[in-house]
Amino acid sequence: RPMWEDPANANGGRWLLTFGSPDMKLDDLWQETLLGMIGDCFSQDSDPQPLSRFITGCVVSIRVRGHKMGLWLSEAQNANIVREIGRRWKSMMNLPSNIRIQFETHNESGSGQQKPMYEE
């Protein structure tokens, strides 16, 4: 579950997409993310282990100052796993190359001072 209190998230992090532009269709991106999770589209037959097993949930925050969508992972230390999930998520949503998603670890999220661990 995408909750700080869930022990599965203790060593994880989240990919974060921030919406600053009304041109980005939040509903469509949210739908693509949910369908990708339901259809196990984060994993491929060639993967040594299914990448979907590292995804603990997804969240969307609708706020006046800007919207956010997050993909929560149980893993933050294995760069290959984390980055590949981020690349597949970005591809799944058909985001243009100028739109970046950022990964931050859960133990530092919300501090306001954290720089992203990865960016795709």
N, C-alpha and C. Protein backbone atom coordinates (compact mmCIF):
# COMPACT_ATOMS: atom_id res chain seq x y z
N ARG A 1 0.83 -1.18 0.00
CA ARG A 1 0.00 0.00 0.00
C ARG A 1 0.88 1.25 0.00
N PRO A 2 0.45 2.29 -0.69
CA PRO A 2 1.24 3.52 -0.71
C PRO A 2 1.03 4.34 0.57
N MET A 3 1.60 3.84 1.66
CA MET A 3 1.49 4.52 2.96
C MET A 3 2.86 4.48 3.64
N TRP A 4 3.21 5.57 4.31
CA TRP A 4 4.49 5.63 5.02
C TRP A 4 4.57 4.52 6.08
N GLU A 5 3.44 4.20 6.70
CA GLU A 5 3.42 3.26 7.81
C GLU A 5 3.57 1.81 7.39
N ASP A 6 3.38 1.51 6.13
CA ASP A 6 3.46 0.13 5.65
C ASP A 6 4.92 -0.33 5.69
N PRO A 7 5.22 -1.40 6.42
CA PRO A 7 6.61 -1.88 6.52
C PRO A 7 7.24 -2.20 5.16
N ALA A 8 6.43 -2.54 4.17
CA ALA A 8 6.96 -2.84 2.83
C ALA A 8 7.61 -1.61 2.20
N ASN A 9 7.29 -0.43 2.70
CA ASN A 9 7.84 0.80 2.13
C ASN A 9 9.05 1.34 2.88
N ALA A 10 9.45 0.68 3.96
CA ALA A 10 10.52 1.19 4.82
C ALA A 10 11.81 1.47 4.06
N ASN A 11 12.16 0.63 3.11
CA ASN A 11 13.41 0.80 2.36
C ASN A 11 13.16 1.21 0.92
N GLY A 12 12.00 1.79 0.69
CA GLY A 12 11.62 2.12 -0.67
C GLY A 12 11.66 3.60 -0.97
N GLY A 13 10.91 3.96 -1.99
CA GLY A 13 10.85 5.34 -2.43
C GLY A 13 9.69 5.50 -3.39
N ARG A 14 9.68 6.63 -4.08
CA ARG A 14 8.59 6.85 -5.04
C ARG A 14 9.09 7.65 -6.23
N TRP A 15 8.56 7.27 -7.38
CA TRP A 15 8.71 8.09 -8.58
C TRP A 15 7.62 9.14 -8.50
N LEU A 16 7.96 10.36 -8.83
CA LEU A 16 7.02 11.46 -8.69
C LEU A 16 6.94 12.25 -9.99
N LEU A 17 5.71 12.47 -10.43
CA LEU A 17 5.43 13.31 -11.59
C LEU A 17 4.65 14.50 -11.09
N THR A 18 5.19 15.70 -11.31
CA THR A 18 4.54 16.93 -10.87
C THR A 18 3.91 17.60 -12.08
N PHE A 19 2.66 17.99 -11.92
CA PHE A 19 1.90 18.60 -13.01
C PHE A 19 1.89 20.11 -12.83
N GLY A 20 2.64 20.80 -13.66
CA GLY A 20 2.62 22.24 -13.63
C GLY A 20 1.86 22.82 -14.80
N SER A 21 1.48 21.96 -15.73
CA SER A 21 0.85 22.41 -16.96
C SER A 21 -0.54 21.80 -17.11
N PRO A 22 -1.53 22.63 -17.43
CA PRO A 22 -2.87 22.08 -17.66
C PRO A 22 -2.93 21.23 -18.93
N ASP A 23 -1.91 21.32 -19.78
CA ASP A 23 -1.88 20.53 -21.01
C ASP A 23 -1.70 19.04 -20.72
N MET A 24 -1.12 18.72 -19.56
CA MET A 24 -0.94 17.32 -19.20
C MET A 24 -2.29 16.79 -18.71
N LYS A 25 -2.74 15.77 -19.34
CA LYS A 25 -4.06 15.20 -19.04
C LYS A 25 -3.95 14.25 -17.85
N LEU A 26 -4.20 14.78 -16.66
CA LEU A 26 -4.08 14.01 -15.43
C LEU A 26 -4.93 12.74 -15.46
N ASP A 27 -6.17 12.86 -15.88
CA ASP A 27 -7.06 11.69 -15.91
C ASP A 27 -6.50 10.58 -16.81
N ASP A 28 -5.98 10.96 -17.96
CA ASP A 28 -5.44 9.97 -18.90
C ASP A 28 -4.18 9.30 -18.33
N LEU A 29 -3.30 10.11 -17.73
CA LEU A 29 -2.07 9.57 -17.16
C LEU A 29 -2.37 8.64 -15.98
N TRP A 30 -3.33 9.04 -15.16
CA TRP A 30 -3.74 8.21 -14.03
C TRP A 30 -4.32 6.88 -14.53
N GLN A 31 -5.16 6.95 -15.56
CA GLN A 31 -5.75 5.75 -16.13
C GLN A 31 -4.68 4.82 -16.69
N GLU A 32 -3.72 5.38 -17.42
CA GLU A 32 -2.63 4.56 -17.99
C GLU A 32 -1.84 3.87 -16.88
N THR A 33 -1.59 4.60 -15.80
CA THR A 33 -0.85 4.03 -14.67
C THR A 33 -1.62 2.88 -14.04
N LEU A 34 -2.89 3.10 -13.77
CA LEU A 34 -3.71 2.04 -13.15
C LEU A 34 -3.82 0.82 -14.05
N LEU A 35 -4.07 1.04 -15.34
CA LEU A 35 -4.17 -0.08 -16.27
C LEU A 35 -2.84 -0.83 -16.39
N GLY A 36 -1.76 -0.08 -16.34
CA GLY A 36 -0.44 -0.70 -16.38
C GLY A 36 -0.17 -1.58 -15.18
N MET A 37 -0.64 -1.13 -14.01
CA MET A 37 -0.48 -1.94 -12.80
C MET A 37 -1.38 -3.17 -12.85
N ILE A 38 -2.62 -2.99 -13.24
CA ILE A 38 -3.57 -4.10 -13.30
C ILE A 38 -3.10 -5.15 -14.33
N GLY A 39 -2.62 -4.68 -15.47
CA GLY A 39 -2.19 -5.58 -16.54
C GLY A 39 -0.76 -6.06 -16.42
N ASP A 40 -0.09 -5.74 -15.31
CA ASP A 40 1.29 -6.14 -15.07
C ASP A 40 2.21 -5.70 -16.21
N CYS A 41 1.99 -4.50 -16.71
CA CYS A 41 2.78 -3.98 -17.83
C CYS A 41 4.16 -3.49 -17.41
N PHE A 42 4.45 -3.47 -16.11
CA PHE A 42 5.78 -3.06 -15.67
C PHE A 42 6.77 -4.21 -15.80
N SER A 43 6.28 -5.42 -15.95
CA SER A 43 7.14 -6.60 -16.06
C SER A 43 7.14 -7.12 -17.49
N GLN A 44 8.28 -7.67 -17.88
CA GLN A 44 8.41 -8.27 -19.20
C GLN A 44 8.94 -9.68 -19.04
N ASP A 45 8.69 -10.52 -20.02
CA ASP A 45 9.13 -11.91 -19.95
C ASP A 45 10.64 -12.03 -19.79
N SER A 46 11.39 -11.07 -20.31
CA SER A 46 12.85 -11.13 -20.26
C SER A 46 13.42 -10.69 -18.91
N ASP A 47 12.58 -10.16 -18.02
CA ASP A 47 13.06 -9.73 -16.70
C ASP A 47 13.45 -10.94 -15.86
N PRO A 48 14.59 -10.87 -15.14
CA PRO A 48 14.96 -11.97 -14.26
C PRO A 48 13.94 -12.18 -13.13
N GLN A 49 13.32 -11.10 -12.70
CA GLN A 49 12.23 -11.17 -11.73
C GLN A 49 11.22 -10.09 -12.11
N PRO A 50 9.94 -10.33 -11.88
CA PRO A 50 8.93 -9.34 -12.28
C PRO A 50 9.12 -8.02 -11.54
N LEU A 51 9.25 -6.94 -12.29
CA LEU A 51 9.44 -5.63 -11.66
C LEU A 51 8.20 -5.18 -10.90
N SER A 52 7.05 -5.71 -11.28
CA SER A 52 5.81 -5.32 -10.59
C SER A 52 5.83 -5.72 -9.12
N ARG A 53 6.65 -6.68 -8.74
CA ARG A 53 6.70 -7.08 -7.33
C ARG A 53 7.28 -5.99 -6.44
N PHE A 54 7.96 -5.01 -7.03
CA PHE A 54 8.55 -3.91 -6.26
C PHE A 54 7.61 -2.70 -6.15
N ILE A 55 6.49 -2.74 -6.86
CA ILE A 55 5.54 -1.62 -6.83
C ILE A 55 4.52 -1.87 -5.73
N THR A 56 4.44 -0.93 -4.79
CA THR A 56 3.52 -1.10 -3.66
C THR A 56 2.23 -0.30 -3.83
N GLY A 57 2.18 0.60 -4.80
CA GLY A 57 0.95 1.35 -5.04
C GLY A 57 1.21 2.63 -5.80
N CYS A 58 0.14 3.34 -6.06
CA CYS A 58 0.25 4.63 -6.72
C CYS A 58 -0.76 5.59 -6.09
N VAL A 59 -0.43 6.85 -6.13
CA VAL A 59 -1.28 7.88 -5.53
C VAL A 59 -1.34 9.08 -6.45
N VAL A 60 -2.40 9.84 -6.31
CA VAL A 60 -2.52 11.11 -7.01
C VAL A 60 -2.97 12.15 -5.99
N SER A 61 -2.38 13.34 -6.06
CA SER A 61 -2.75 14.45 -5.18
C SER A 61 -3.20 15.62 -6.04
N ILE A 62 -4.42 16.04 -5.82
CA ILE A 62 -4.98 17.19 -6.54
C ILE A 62 -4.90 18.39 -5.60
N ARG A 63 -4.12 19.38 -5.98
CA ARG A 63 -3.94 20.56 -5.14
C ARG A 63 -4.00 21.81 -6.00
N VAL A 64 -4.32 22.91 -5.36
CA VAL A 64 -4.41 24.20 -6.06
C VAL A 64 -3.05 24.58 -6.64
N ARG A 65 -1.98 24.35 -5.89
CA ARG A 65 -0.64 24.74 -6.34
C ARG A 65 -0.05 23.81 -7.38
N GLY A 66 -0.69 22.73 -7.66
CA GLY A 66 -0.17 21.78 -8.64
C GLY A 66 -0.49 20.36 -8.23
N HIS A 67 -0.64 19.51 -9.19
CA HIS A 67 -1.00 18.11 -8.94
C HIS A 67 0.26 17.25 -8.96
N LYS A 68 0.18 16.11 -8.26
CA LYS A 68 1.29 15.16 -8.24
C LYS A 68 0.74 13.75 -8.39
N MET A 69 1.52 12.93 -9.05
CA MET A 69 1.21 11.51 -9.13
C MET A 69 2.47 10.76 -8.72
N GLY A 70 2.31 9.78 -7.85
CA GLY A 70 3.45 9.03 -7.35
C GLY A 70 3.29 7.54 -7.54
N LEU A 71 4.37 6.88 -7.89
CA LEU A 71 4.42 5.43 -8.01
C LEU A 71 5.36 4.94 -6.91
N TRP A 72 4.81 4.25 -5.93
CA TRP A 72 5.56 3.83 -4.74
C TRP A 72 6.23 2.48 -4.95
N LEU A 73 7.48 2.40 -4.51
CA LEU A 73 8.27 1.18 -4.65
C LEU A 73 8.77 0.70 -3.30
N SER A 74 8.93 -0.59 -3.15
CA SER A 74 9.49 -1.16 -1.93
C SER A 74 11.02 -1.15 -1.96
N GLU A 75 11.58 -0.84 -3.10
CA GLU A 75 13.03 -0.88 -3.32
C GLU A 75 13.54 0.50 -3.69
N ALA A 76 14.65 0.91 -3.05
CA ALA A 76 15.27 2.19 -3.41
C ALA A 76 16.77 2.03 -3.68
N GLN A 77 17.36 0.94 -3.25
CA GLN A 77 18.81 0.79 -3.33
C GLN A 77 19.32 0.20 -4.64
N ASN A 78 18.52 -0.60 -5.31
CA ASN A 78 18.94 -1.23 -6.56
C ASN A 78 18.62 -0.29 -7.73
N ALA A 79 19.64 0.43 -8.18
CA ALA A 79 19.45 1.45 -9.22
C ALA A 79 18.87 0.86 -10.50
N ASN A 80 19.28 -0.35 -10.87
CA ASN A 80 18.77 -0.95 -12.10
C ASN A 80 17.26 -1.16 -12.04
N ILE A 81 16.79 -1.68 -10.93
CA ILE A 81 15.35 -1.93 -10.76
C ILE A 81 14.59 -0.61 -10.73
N VAL A 82 15.04 0.31 -9.90
CA VAL A 82 14.35 1.59 -9.73
C VAL A 82 14.27 2.35 -11.05
N ARG A 83 15.39 2.47 -11.72
CA ARG A 83 15.42 3.25 -12.97
C ARG A 83 14.61 2.58 -14.08
N GLU A 84 14.65 1.26 -14.15
CA GLU A 84 13.88 0.57 -15.20
C GLU A 84 12.38 0.74 -14.96
N ILE A 85 11.95 0.67 -13.72
CA ILE A 85 10.53 0.93 -13.43
C ILE A 85 10.17 2.35 -13.83
N GLY A 86 11.02 3.31 -13.52
CA GLY A 86 10.77 4.70 -13.91
C GLY A 86 10.68 4.87 -15.42
N ARG A 87 11.60 4.24 -16.15
CA ARG A 87 11.58 4.33 -17.62
C ARG A 87 10.30 3.72 -18.18
N ARG A 88 9.92 2.58 -17.65
CA ARG A 88 8.70 1.91 -18.15
C ARG A 88 7.45 2.72 -17.81
N TRP A 89 7.43 3.33 -16.62
CA TRP A 89 6.28 4.16 -16.25
C TRP A 89 6.17 5.36 -17.18
N LYS A 90 7.29 6.01 -17.42
CA LYS A 90 7.29 7.18 -18.31
C LYS A 90 6.87 6.79 -19.72
N SER A 91 7.35 5.66 -20.21
CA SER A 91 6.98 5.18 -21.54
C SER A 91 5.50 4.82 -21.60
N MET A 92 5.01 4.17 -20.56
CA MET A 92 3.61 3.77 -20.49
C MET A 92 2.68 4.97 -20.60
N MET A 93 3.10 6.09 -20.01
CA MET A 93 2.28 7.31 -20.03
C MET A 93 2.52 8.14 -21.28
N ASN A 94 3.46 7.72 -22.14
CA ASN A 94 3.80 8.46 -23.36
C ASN A 94 4.17 9.90 -23.07
N LEU A 95 4.98 10.10 -22.03
CA LEU A 95 5.40 11.45 -21.69
C LEU A 95 6.46 11.93 -22.67
N PRO A 96 6.39 13.20 -23.07
CA PRO A 96 7.44 13.74 -23.94
C PRO A 96 8.78 13.79 -23.20
N SER A 97 9.86 13.80 -23.96
CA SER A 97 11.19 13.75 -23.35
C SER A 97 11.50 14.95 -22.46
N ASN A 98 10.82 16.08 -22.67
CA ASN A 98 11.10 17.25 -21.83
C ASN A 98 10.40 17.18 -20.47
N ILE A 99 9.50 16.23 -20.28
CA ILE A 99 8.84 16.04 -18.99
C ILE A 99 9.64 15.04 -18.18
N ARG A 100 10.06 15.42 -16.99
CA ARG A 100 10.91 14.58 -16.15
C ARG A 100 10.12 14.01 -14.98
N ILE A 101 10.44 12.79 -14.59
CA ILE A 101 9.93 12.23 -13.35
C ILE A 101 11.13 12.08 -12.42
N GLN A 102 10.89 12.19 -11.12
CA GLN A 102 11.98 12.15 -10.15
C GLN A 102 11.72 11.08 -9.10
N PHE A 103 12.80 10.44 -8.67
CA PHE A 103 12.69 9.41 -7.64
C PHE A 103 13.31 9.92 -6.35
N GLU A 104 12.56 9.74 -5.26
CA GLU A 104 13.07 10.10 -3.94
C GLU A 104 12.80 8.95 -2.98
N THR A 105 13.70 8.78 -2.02
CA THR A 105 13.52 7.70 -1.05
C THR A 105 12.48 8.11 -0.01
N HIS A 106 11.81 7.11 0.56
CA HIS A 106 10.78 7.39 1.56
C HIS A 106 11.36 7.98 2.84
N ASN A 107 12.55 7.56 3.22
CA ASN A 107 13.09 8.05 4.49
C ASN A 107 13.48 9.52 4.43
N GLU A 108 13.52 10.09 3.23
CA GLU A 108 13.83 11.51 3.10
C GLU A 108 12.71 12.31 2.46
N SER A 109 11.65 11.65 2.02
CA SER A 109 10.54 12.35 1.38
C SER A 109 9.89 13.30 2.35
N GLY A 110 9.49 14.42 1.84
CA GLY A 110 8.77 15.39 2.66
C GLY A 110 9.67 16.29 3.47
N SER A 111 10.99 16.07 3.43
CA SER A 111 11.88 16.92 4.22
C SER A 111 12.01 18.31 3.61
N GLY A 112 11.67 18.44 2.33
CA GLY A 112 11.78 19.73 1.67
C GLY A 112 13.18 20.04 1.19
N GLN A 113 14.17 19.32 1.70
CA GLN A 113 15.56 19.58 1.35
C GLN A 113 16.14 18.51 0.41
N GLN A 114 15.38 17.49 0.16
CA GLN A 114 15.90 16.36 -0.59
C GLN A 114 16.02 16.65 -2.08
N LYS A 115 17.14 16.22 -2.64
CA LYS A 115 17.31 16.24 -4.09
C LYS A 115 16.92 14.85 -4.58
N PRO A 116 16.38 14.77 -5.80
CA PRO A 116 15.98 13.46 -6.30
C PRO A 116 17.18 12.52 -6.41
N MET A 117 16.94 11.26 -6.08
CA MET A 117 17.97 10.24 -6.20
C MET A 117 18.22 9.91 -7.67
N TYR A 118 17.13 9.85 -8.45
CA TYR A 118 17.21 9.60 -9.88
C TYR A 118 16.23 10.51 -10.60
N GLU A 119 16.49 10.68 -11.89
CA GLU A 119 15.57 11.45 -12.72
C GLU A 119 15.53 10.79 -14.09
N GLU A 120 14.35 10.67 -14.64
CA GLU A 120 14.19 10.09 -15.98
C GLU A 120 13.41 11.06 -16.84
